[in-house]
Amino acid sequence: MKDERPTVYPYIPNSVPEVKARMLKDVGAASAEDFYESVPEKLRIKGRMNLPDPLLSECTLKRHVEGILARNKTAGEHLSFLGAGCWQHHVPAVCDEVNQRSEFLTAYAGEPYDDHGRFQTLFEYTSMMGELLNMDVVNVPTYDGFQATATALRMAARITGRCEVLVARTLSEGKLSKIRDYLKPDLKIRLIDYDRLSGHVSRNALQTAISSETAAVYFENPSYLGSIEVAGDEIARTAHDHGAISVVGVNPMSLGVLTPPADYGADIVCGDIQPLGMHMQFGGGQAGFIATRDEEKYVMEFPSRLFGITSTRVAGEYGFGDVAYERTSFALREKGKEWVGTAAALWGITAGVYLALMGPQGMVEIGEGIMSRSRYAMLEMSKINGIQTPFFHSPHFGEFVASFDDTGKTVADINRGLLERGIFGGKDLSGEFPELGESALYSVTEVHTKEDIDRLATALKEVCA
């Protein structure tokens, strides 16, 4: 005989019938259906949804979730050459040790009643990021680099009073989607084509597209496709000649060996700090930064929080706190320039630990190591019949495009063969960049040894044969 007793969920106290009845009575509702009366009938789902029965035991639920997680194939179990915005770097143990401390682990958007040094740690993070970027002002981290880029472009539009941005077409599909989503319906986005030989921004295309309506010119260095833009100063100069702002996206890990964008004319620099001490976390571990000069027209357009150092009421004593708090939506609410919600403060603290541990010389050494390893990978892959790498004739940092057109195989076929050998191949670019044919984006970082790269080359020979 079917059990007609109501289900009580152990994780939802309000599912207890007596509690639910008391709540309904207190708000004057006859049933939970009353809460949805504003939803038209035709939009409501009638009857039971096609879902499995609930798991009412903690033990059973734990086993179920672990069974799902066990199906994942991780970069810890396989040799991985995937990057494309979330990279596998070494995470020093001290980063995890510090960010798991109780006074930091809950470092969310709001303040705890006792600060426990959170403001100071974030001030130290922004100070070190400023030194790395050669910029004066760095924000408390946004959700991710996608949001940081979109916000930087909106800042440029507010500063210039213009409604069009030019964006290099070598962006990832995901980032471009976020920019479009964030900028609509106010701002128009025009894509600037790239040179097919170098992968760099086409200067002719830029000169043709830029106008008095252009608020910002945005490109990445290194680009999503791994090539290093060697004419950043020329791009910035073109933007400035037309009254536009130069916005540059950068991988902070590259700045131990590459010139910071501020030194070749960038007005706003943005990116993701995931490489700085954060694990790849199945979609998590991302946090965005925005940096500018210490000029009022830029500072007052930051929608996100800025932390600084100031004197207190006690002579000779200093404290840390918000800078120009009145410009944020916390103070202005619906009149804010942009809505400021959750800040990825914990990852800012983590990146601060990483930068303090590495120091200037450490960032130089890790950058040099990444460039030498990726160069070795390009050379070894180029020896394999049918593989062309690097696809672009340009210096690269960490990532590069490999073409498999001459192998007669698709990237999907090759990646399937590599996976059978315990290797994650490069990201398939054939959908994002069809003009590149059967190509993939390979990522090499400091975690890859010579033996790892040789293993990849051997596997590719077998798969492409």
Protein backbone atom coordinates (compact mmCIF):
# COMPACT_ATOMS: atom_id res chain seq x y z
CA MET A 1 0.00 0.00 0.00
CA LYS A 2 1.37 3.44 -1.01
CA ASP A 3 2.58 5.64 1.85
CA GLU A 4 0.46 8.82 1.77
CA ARG A 5 2.35 10.58 4.52
CA PRO A 6 3.84 13.97 3.51
CA THR A 7 7.55 14.03 2.74
CA VAL A 8 9.69 15.82 5.28
CA TYR A 9 13.05 16.84 3.83
CA PRO A 10 15.89 16.72 6.39
CA TYR A 11 17.52 19.82 4.84
CA ILE A 12 14.32 21.92 4.60
CA PRO A 13 12.79 22.62 8.05
CA ASN A 14 9.81 24.33 6.42
CA SER A 15 8.73 21.01 4.89
CA VAL A 16 7.43 19.85 8.30
CA PRO A 17 3.61 20.05 7.85
CA GLU A 18 3.00 21.85 11.17
CA VAL A 19 5.69 24.44 10.45
CA LYS A 20 4.42 24.99 6.90
CA ALA A 21 0.81 25.43 8.14
CA ARG A 22 1.90 28.00 10.75
CA MET A 23 3.84 29.98 8.15
CA LEU A 24 0.89 30.03 5.75
CA LYS A 25 -1.42 31.18 8.55
CA ASP A 26 0.94 33.97 9.58
CA VAL A 27 1.05 35.43 6.06
CA GLY A 28 -2.67 34.89 5.44
CA ALA A 29 -2.31 32.32 2.64
CA ALA A 30 -4.50 29.26 2.19
CA SER A 31 -1.77 27.32 0.40
CA ALA A 32 1.57 27.79 -1.29
CA GLU A 33 -0.32 28.20 -4.58
CA ASP A 34 -1.40 31.65 -3.38
CA PHE A 35 2.18 32.87 -3.82
CA TYR A 36 2.01 32.20 -7.57
CA GLU A 37 -1.36 33.74 -8.36
CA SER A 38 0.34 36.49 -10.39
CA VAL A 39 1.75 33.84 -12.76
CA PRO A 40 -0.68 33.14 -15.63
CA GLU A 41 -2.20 29.66 -15.58
CA LYS A 42 -0.84 28.83 -19.02
CA LEU A 43 2.70 29.27 -17.73
CA ARG A 44 2.30 26.96 -14.74
CA ILE A 45 3.35 23.32 -14.77
CA LYS A 46 0.48 21.07 -13.74
CA GLY A 47 1.10 17.85 -11.91
CA ARG A 48 4.34 16.26 -10.77
CA MET A 49 7.58 17.10 -12.54
CA ASN A 50 9.53 14.27 -14.12
CA LEU A 51 12.10 14.07 -11.34
CA PRO A 52 13.41 11.09 -9.35
CA ASP A 53 12.25 10.51 -5.80
CA PRO A 54 14.04 12.61 -3.16
CA LEU A 55 17.01 11.22 -1.27
CA LEU A 56 16.02 11.52 2.37
CA SER A 57 19.15 10.00 3.90
CA GLU A 58 22.39 11.96 4.24
CA CYS A 59 24.35 8.78 3.61
CA THR A 60 22.39 8.03 0.43
CA LEU A 61 22.69 11.60 -0.79
CA LYS A 62 26.45 11.62 -0.18
CA ARG A 63 26.89 8.37 -2.09
CA HIS A 64 24.78 9.70 -4.97
CA VAL A 65 26.76 12.94 -5.30
CA GLU A 66 30.12 11.18 -5.00
CA GLY A 67 29.02 8.80 -7.74
CA ILE A 68 28.38 11.74 -10.05
CA LEU A 69 31.69 13.39 -9.16
CA ALA A 70 33.56 10.14 -9.78
CA ARG A 71 32.58 10.36 -13.44
CA ASN A 72 34.73 13.48 -13.87
CA LYS A 73 38.13 13.12 -15.47
CA THR A 74 40.38 15.71 -13.85
CA ALA A 75 43.67 17.37 -14.73
CA GLY A 76 45.08 15.72 -11.63
CA GLU A 77 44.49 12.28 -13.10
CA HIS A 78 45.28 13.14 -16.72
CA LEU A 79 48.01 15.15 -18.42
CA SER A 80 46.28 18.36 -19.50
CA PHE A 81 47.12 20.91 -22.19
CA LEU A 82 43.84 22.80 -21.86
CA GLY A 83 43.83 26.51 -21.06
CA ALA A 84 41.73 29.08 -22.91
CA GLY A 85 41.04 31.24 -19.85
CA CYS A 86 41.37 28.78 -16.98
CA TRP A 87 44.88 27.42 -16.67
CA GLN A 88 46.59 24.70 -14.69
CA HIS A 89 49.28 26.35 -12.60
CA HIS A 90 51.07 25.21 -9.48
CA VAL A 91 49.28 26.41 -6.35
CA PRO A 92 51.67 26.80 -3.40
CA ALA A 93 50.37 25.18 -0.23
CA VAL A 94 50.51 28.49 1.64
CA CYS A 95 47.80 29.91 -0.66
CA ASP A 96 45.34 27.24 0.42
CA GLU A 97 46.47 27.48 4.03
CA VAL A 98 45.74 31.20 4.23
CA ASN A 99 42.50 31.31 2.24
CA GLN A 100 41.03 28.52 4.37
CA ARG A 101 41.48 30.46 7.60
CA SER A 102 38.10 31.18 9.18
CA GLU A 103 38.57 34.95 9.26
CA PHE A 104 39.11 34.95 5.46
CA LEU A 105 37.03 32.04 4.23
CA THR A 106 33.82 34.04 4.64
CA ALA A 107 35.32 37.17 3.03
CA TYR A 108 32.22 37.88 0.99
CA ALA A 109 30.80 41.20 -0.21
CA GLY A 110 29.71 42.47 3.20
CA GLU A 111 31.86 43.14 6.23
CA PRO A 112 32.15 40.88 9.26
CA TYR A 113 31.59 42.56 12.61
CA ASP A 114 35.31 42.28 13.35
CA ASP A 115 37.55 42.86 10.36
CA HIS A 116 40.39 40.47 11.33
CA GLY A 117 42.69 42.17 8.82
CA ARG A 118 40.62 41.53 5.68
CA PHE A 119 40.81 45.17 4.56
CA GLN A 120 44.57 45.17 5.00
CA THR A 121 45.08 41.90 3.09
CA LEU A 122 43.04 43.25 0.17
CA PHE A 123 44.93 46.55 0.32
CA GLU A 124 48.19 44.60 0.15
CA TYR A 125 46.83 42.57 -2.80
CA THR A 126 45.83 45.66 -4.75
CA SER A 127 49.18 47.29 -3.96
CA MET A 128 51.14 44.32 -5.33
CA MET A 129 48.88 44.10 -8.38
CA GLY A 130 49.45 47.80 -8.96
CA GLU A 131 53.20 47.23 -8.87
CA LEU A 132 52.92 44.29 -11.28
CA LEU A 133 50.70 46.28 -13.67
CA ASN A 134 52.55 49.59 -13.17
CA MET A 135 49.17 51.17 -12.39
CA ASP A 136 48.06 53.25 -9.40
CA VAL A 137 44.54 51.96 -8.68
CA VAL A 138 43.31 48.34 -8.61
CA ASN A 139 39.84 47.25 -7.53
CA VAL A 140 38.71 44.56 -5.14
CA PRO A 141 38.14 41.56 -7.46
CA THR A 142 34.96 41.21 -9.50
CA TYR A 143 33.35 37.84 -10.27
CA ASP A 144 35.78 37.04 -13.09
CA GLY A 145 37.81 38.48 -15.94
CA PHE A 146 34.75 38.48 -18.21
CA GLN A 147 32.93 40.90 -15.92
CA ALA A 148 36.07 42.98 -15.43
CA THR A 149 36.43 43.43 -19.19
CA ALA A 150 32.80 44.36 -19.72
CA THR A 151 32.89 46.79 -16.80
CA ALA A 152 36.10 48.38 -18.11
CA LEU A 153 34.39 49.05 -21.44
CA ARG A 154 31.37 50.58 -19.72
CA MET A 155 33.73 52.78 -17.69
CA ALA A 156 35.32 53.98 -20.94
CA ALA A 157 31.91 54.77 -22.40
CA ARG A 158 30.91 56.81 -19.35
CA ILE A 159 34.21 58.72 -19.36
CA THR A 160 34.05 59.58 -23.08
CA GLY A 161 30.28 59.94 -23.36
CA ARG A 162 30.38 57.76 -26.46
CA CYS A 163 28.40 54.65 -27.37
CA GLU A 164 30.63 52.38 -29.47
CA VAL A 165 33.52 50.06 -28.59
CA LEU A 166 35.96 48.32 -30.92
CA VAL A 167 36.93 44.82 -29.84
CA ALA A 168 39.62 42.56 -31.29
CA ARG A 169 38.03 39.51 -32.97
CA THR A 170 40.55 37.16 -31.35
CA LEU A 171 38.46 37.08 -28.17
CA SER A 172 37.04 33.84 -26.83
CA GLU A 173 33.44 33.09 -27.69
CA GLY A 174 32.53 33.09 -23.99
CA LYS A 175 34.08 36.48 -23.21
CA LEU A 176 32.54 38.09 -26.28
CA SER A 177 29.15 36.72 -25.25
CA LYS A 178 29.52 38.26 -21.78
CA ILE A 179 30.61 41.61 -23.23
CA ARG A 180 27.57 41.67 -25.50
CA ASP A 181 25.28 40.74 -22.65
CA TYR A 182 26.75 43.38 -20.31
CA LEU A 183 26.88 46.23 -22.81
CA LYS A 184 23.47 45.87 -24.44
CA PRO A 185 21.36 47.80 -25.21
CA ASP A 186 23.36 51.00 -24.64
CA LEU A 187 26.64 50.31 -26.40
CA LYS A 188 27.42 49.10 -29.90
CA ILE A 189 30.21 46.55 -30.36
CA ARG A 190 32.27 46.38 -33.54
CA LEU A 191 34.75 43.54 -34.07
CA ILE A 192 38.18 44.34 -35.47
CA ASP A 193 39.65 41.64 -37.68
CA TYR A 194 43.10 40.15 -37.17
CA ASP A 195 46.04 39.50 -39.46
CA ARG A 196 45.94 35.87 -40.63
CA LEU A 197 49.71 35.50 -40.56
CA SER A 198 50.55 37.01 -37.17
CA GLY A 199 47.27 36.80 -35.27
CA HIS A 200 47.71 40.47 -34.34
CA VAL A 201 45.07 43.18 -34.56
CA SER A 202 44.81 44.40 -38.15
CA ARG A 203 45.92 48.01 -38.11
CA ASN A 204 44.14 48.65 -41.41
CA ALA A 205 40.88 47.28 -40.00
CA LEU A 206 41.33 49.43 -36.89
CA GLN A 207 41.95 52.60 -38.89
CA THR A 208 38.88 51.90 -41.02
CA ALA A 209 36.57 51.24 -38.05
CA ILE A 210 37.61 53.88 -35.53
CA SER A 211 35.69 57.16 -35.46
CA SER A 212 34.58 60.04 -33.27
CA GLU A 213 31.92 57.68 -31.86
CA THR A 214 34.49 55.20 -30.51
CA ALA A 215 34.65 55.09 -26.72
CA ALA A 216 37.29 52.37 -26.40
CA VAL A 217 39.57 50.04 -28.31
CA TYR A 218 39.97 46.67 -26.59
CA PHE A 219 42.51 43.94 -27.29
CA GLU A 220 44.29 41.29 -25.24
CA ASN A 221 48.01 40.80 -24.81
CA PRO A 222 48.75 37.93 -24.93
CA SER A 223 45.64 37.23 -26.98
CA TYR A 224 43.20 34.40 -26.41
CA LEU A 225 45.04 32.61 -29.23
CA GLY A 226 48.35 33.02 -27.42
CA SER A 227 50.14 35.50 -29.68
CA ILE A 228 51.87 38.53 -28.18
CA GLU A 229 50.75 41.85 -29.67
CA VAL A 230 53.94 43.70 -30.63
CA ALA A 231 52.30 46.98 -31.66
CA GLY A 232 50.31 47.82 -28.56
CA ASP A 233 51.73 51.34 -28.53
CA GLU A 234 50.50 51.93 -32.08
CA ILE A 235 47.00 50.66 -31.22
CA ALA A 236 46.87 52.90 -28.14
CA ARG A 237 48.08 55.87 -30.14
CA THR A 238 45.38 55.31 -32.75
CA ALA A 239 42.75 55.18 -30.00
CA HIS A 240 44.05 58.36 -28.35
CA ASP A 241 44.24 60.22 -31.68
CA HIS A 242 40.49 59.72 -32.00
CA GLY A 243 39.69 60.61 -28.39
CA ALA A 244 39.08 56.98 -27.40
CA ILE A 245 40.37 55.04 -24.40
CA SER A 246 42.79 52.14 -24.77
CA VAL A 247 41.62 49.09 -22.77
CA VAL A 248 43.92 46.07 -22.62
CA GLY A 249 43.22 42.62 -21.24
CA VAL A 250 46.28 40.87 -19.81
CA ASN A 251 47.26 37.61 -18.16
CA PRO A 252 49.04 38.79 -14.97
CA MET A 253 51.27 35.72 -15.05
CA SER A 254 52.93 37.11 -18.19
CA LEU A 255 54.05 40.37 -16.60
CA GLY A 256 57.28 39.00 -15.22
CA VAL A 257 58.56 38.88 -18.82
CA LEU A 258 56.26 41.15 -20.84
CA THR A 259 55.94 44.93 -20.67
CA PRO A 260 52.85 45.96 -18.67
CA PRO A 261 50.14 47.52 -20.88
CA ALA A 262 50.35 50.84 -19.03
CA ASP A 263 53.84 51.28 -20.48
CA TYR A 264 52.56 51.16 -24.06
CA GLY A 265 49.58 53.45 -23.60
CA ALA A 266 46.79 51.46 -21.94
CA ASP A 267 44.40 53.63 -19.94
CA ILE A 268 42.48 50.75 -18.36
CA VAL A 269 43.92 47.27 -17.82
CA CYS A 270 41.81 44.26 -16.88
CA GLY A 271 41.96 40.49 -16.67
CA ASP A 272 41.59 37.43 -14.45
CA ILE A 273 43.74 36.55 -11.45
CA GLN A 274 43.02 32.81 -11.64
CA PRO A 275 46.68 32.04 -12.49
CA LEU A 276 47.81 33.63 -9.21
CA GLY A 277 47.35 30.81 -6.71
CA MET A 278 43.91 29.48 -7.65
CA HIS A 279 43.03 25.91 -8.55
CA MET A 280 40.88 25.06 -11.54
CA GLN A 281 37.54 24.36 -9.90
CA PHE A 282 35.03 23.09 -12.46
CA GLY A 283 34.03 26.64 -13.34
CA GLY A 284 35.14 28.39 -10.14
CA GLY A 285 38.34 30.03 -9.00
CA GLN A 286 37.96 33.03 -11.31
CA ALA A 287 38.22 36.66 -10.21
CA GLY A 288 38.60 39.83 -12.26
CA PHE A 289 40.74 42.92 -11.81
CA ILE A 290 40.55 46.44 -13.24
CA ALA A 291 43.43 48.91 -13.00
CA THR A 292 43.84 52.57 -13.93
CA ARG A 293 45.95 55.60 -13.22
CA ASP A 294 45.13 57.64 -10.12
CA GLU A 295 43.05 60.20 -11.97
CA GLU A 296 39.63 61.28 -10.74
CA LYS A 297 37.91 60.69 -14.08
CA TYR A 298 38.91 57.03 -13.90
CA VAL A 299 38.65 56.43 -10.16
CA MET A 300 35.12 57.79 -9.92
CA GLU A 301 33.93 55.46 -12.69
CA PHE A 302 34.93 52.28 -10.86
CA PRO A 303 31.67 50.65 -9.78
CA SER A 304 33.50 48.13 -7.61
CA ARG A 305 35.13 48.71 -4.25
CA LEU A 306 38.56 50.25 -3.76
CA PHE A 307 40.50 49.85 -0.54
CA GLY A 308 43.06 52.32 0.72
CA ILE A 309 45.07 53.29 3.79
CA THR A 310 44.14 56.25 5.97
CA SER A 311 44.81 57.76 9.36
CA THR A 312 42.48 57.10 12.28
CA ARG A 313 41.36 59.28 15.18
CA VAL A 314 44.41 58.05 17.08
CA ALA A 315 47.51 60.08 16.22
CA GLY A 316 50.09 58.02 14.36
CA GLU A 317 47.70 55.12 13.79
CA TYR A 318 46.56 53.92 10.38
CA GLY A 319 43.68 51.83 9.15
CA PHE A 320 42.31 50.40 5.92
CA GLY A 321 38.94 50.93 4.28
CA ASP A 322 36.88 52.05 1.31
CA VAL A 323 38.02 54.79 -1.04
CA ALA A 324 35.28 57.02 -2.53
CA TYR A 325 32.58 54.72 -1.19
CA GLU A 326 29.92 57.21 -2.26
CA ARG A 327 30.40 56.31 -5.97
CA THR A 328 29.31 52.66 -5.44
CA SER A 329 25.79 51.27 -5.61
CA PHE A 330 26.13 50.40 -1.91
CA ALA A 331 25.81 54.13 -1.27
CA LEU A 332 23.78 55.22 -4.30
CA ARG A 333 21.62 52.09 -4.59
CA GLU A 334 19.52 52.32 -7.77
CA LYS A 335 21.36 55.46 -8.89
CA GLY A 336 24.74 53.71 -8.99
CA LYS A 337 26.66 53.63 -12.27
CA GLU A 338 26.61 49.85 -12.17
CA TRP A 339 25.27 47.44 -9.63
CA VAL A 340 27.95 46.13 -7.29
CA GLY A 341 27.15 42.72 -5.88
CA THR A 342 29.39 39.92 -4.71
CA ALA A 343 33.13 40.54 -4.80
CA ALA A 344 35.49 37.62 -5.13
CA ALA A 345 37.38 38.92 -2.11
CA LEU A 346 38.73 35.52 -1.07
CA TRP A 347 40.55 35.14 -4.37
CA GLY A 348 42.04 38.61 -4.02
CA ILE A 349 43.46 37.56 -0.67
CA THR A 350 44.78 34.36 -2.28
CA ALA A 351 46.41 36.24 -5.15
CA GLY A 352 48.02 38.57 -2.62
CA VAL A 353 49.56 35.59 -0.86
CA TYR A 354 50.82 34.24 -4.18
CA LEU A 355 52.38 37.54 -5.26
CA ALA A 356 54.03 38.04 -1.87
CA LEU A 357 55.47 34.53 -2.04
CA MET A 358 56.77 34.86 -5.61
CA GLY A 359 58.16 38.38 -5.42
CA PRO A 360 59.45 40.22 -8.51
CA GLN A 361 62.19 37.69 -9.27
CA GLY A 362 59.81 34.78 -8.89
CA MET A 363 57.42 36.28 -11.44
CA VAL A 364 60.32 36.71 -13.87
CA GLU A 365 61.44 33.12 -13.43
CA ILE A 366 57.97 31.62 -13.81
CA GLY A 367 57.31 33.72 -16.92
CA GLU A 368 60.57 32.65 -18.50
CA GLY A 369 59.83 29.03 -17.62
CA ILE A 370 56.41 29.15 -19.27
CA MET A 371 57.77 30.72 -22.44
CA SER A 372 60.60 28.20 -22.78
CA ARG A 373 58.30 25.23 -22.15
CA SER A 374 55.67 26.41 -24.63
CA ARG A 375 58.38 27.06 -27.23
CA TYR A 376 59.71 23.53 -26.78
CA ALA A 377 56.19 22.14 -27.20
CA MET A 378 55.72 24.10 -30.44
CA LEU A 379 59.00 22.81 -31.84
CA GLU A 380 58.29 19.18 -30.95
CA MET A 381 54.74 19.29 -32.33
CA SER A 382 55.92 20.96 -35.56
CA LYS A 383 58.15 17.92 -36.26
CA ILE A 384 55.08 15.71 -36.56
CA ASN A 385 53.88 15.14 -40.11
CA GLY A 386 50.67 17.08 -40.82
CA ILE A 387 50.79 19.37 -37.78
CA GLN A 388 51.50 23.06 -38.24
CA THR A 389 52.55 24.92 -35.13
CA PRO A 390 52.59 27.66 -34.15
CA PHE A 391 49.88 28.61 -36.60
CA PHE A 392 50.67 32.32 -36.26
CA HIS A 393 54.09 33.79 -36.99
CA SER A 394 54.40 35.68 -33.75
CA PRO A 395 55.95 35.41 -30.29
CA HIS A 396 53.70 33.52 -27.87
CA PHE A 397 53.14 33.25 -24.16
CA GLY A 398 51.95 29.94 -22.78
CA GLU A 399 49.38 29.18 -25.46
CA PHE A 400 49.52 28.62 -29.20
CA VAL A 401 47.34 27.43 -32.06
CA ALA A 402 48.13 24.11 -33.72
CA SER A 403 46.60 23.27 -37.11
CA PHE A 404 45.71 19.65 -37.95
CA ASP A 405 44.28 20.27 -41.43
CA ASP A 406 47.02 18.30 -43.16
CA THR A 407 46.52 15.22 -40.97
CA GLY A 408 43.16 14.44 -42.52
CA LYS A 409 41.68 14.20 -39.04
CA THR A 410 39.40 16.48 -37.05
CA VAL A 411 40.44 17.98 -33.73
CA ALA A 412 37.66 15.93 -32.14
CA ASP A 413 39.23 12.74 -33.54
CA ILE A 414 42.66 13.72 -32.28
CA ASN A 415 41.42 14.71 -28.83
CA ARG A 416 39.54 11.43 -28.57
CA GLY A 417 42.73 9.52 -29.33
CA LEU A 418 44.72 11.59 -26.83
CA LEU A 419 42.09 11.01 -24.13
CA GLU A 420 42.43 7.26 -24.65
CA ARG A 421 46.10 7.78 -23.78
CA GLY A 422 45.34 9.80 -20.64
CA ILE A 423 45.91 13.25 -22.17
CA PHE A 424 43.61 16.25 -22.51
CA GLY A 425 44.46 17.80 -25.88
CA GLY A 426 44.03 21.44 -26.84
CA LYS A 427 40.71 23.26 -26.99
CA ASP A 428 38.95 22.71 -30.31
CA LEU A 429 38.77 26.06 -32.13
CA SER A 430 37.00 24.84 -35.28
CA GLY A 431 33.66 26.20 -34.05
CA GLU A 432 34.91 29.54 -32.68
CA PHE A 433 37.32 30.28 -35.52
CA PRO A 434 36.19 28.28 -38.59
CA GLU A 435 38.63 30.20 -40.79
CA LEU A 436 41.48 28.43 -38.94
CA GLY A 437 40.22 25.02 -40.06
CA GLU A 438 40.83 22.02 -37.83
CA SER A 439 42.86 23.80 -35.18
CA ALA A 440 43.25 23.63 -31.42
CA LEU A 441 44.57 25.90 -28.69
CA TYR A 442 47.28 24.26 -26.58
CA SER A 443 48.35 25.57 -23.18
CA VAL A 444 51.73 24.92 -21.55
CA THR A 445 52.56 26.21 -18.07
CA GLU A 446 55.22 25.73 -15.40
CA VAL A 447 53.62 22.45 -14.30
CA HIS A 448 54.59 20.73 -17.56
CA THR A 449 57.94 18.93 -17.64
CA LYS A 450 60.00 18.00 -20.68
CA GLU A 451 58.80 14.43 -20.18
CA ASP A 452 55.16 15.63 -20.25
CA ILE A 453 55.68 17.44 -23.55
CA ASP A 454 57.57 14.49 -25.04
CA ARG A 455 54.70 12.24 -24.01
CA LEU A 456 52.26 14.55 -25.80
CA ALA A 457 54.39 14.54 -28.95
CA THR A 458 54.64 10.75 -28.93
CA ALA A 459 50.89 10.40 -28.47
CA LEU A 460 50.18 12.86 -31.29
CA LYS A 461 52.42 10.87 -33.64
CA GLU A 462 50.42 7.75 -32.88
CA VAL A 463 47.02 9.45 -33.18
CA CYS A 464 47.87 11.29 -36.40
CA ALA A 465 49.48 8.30 -38.11
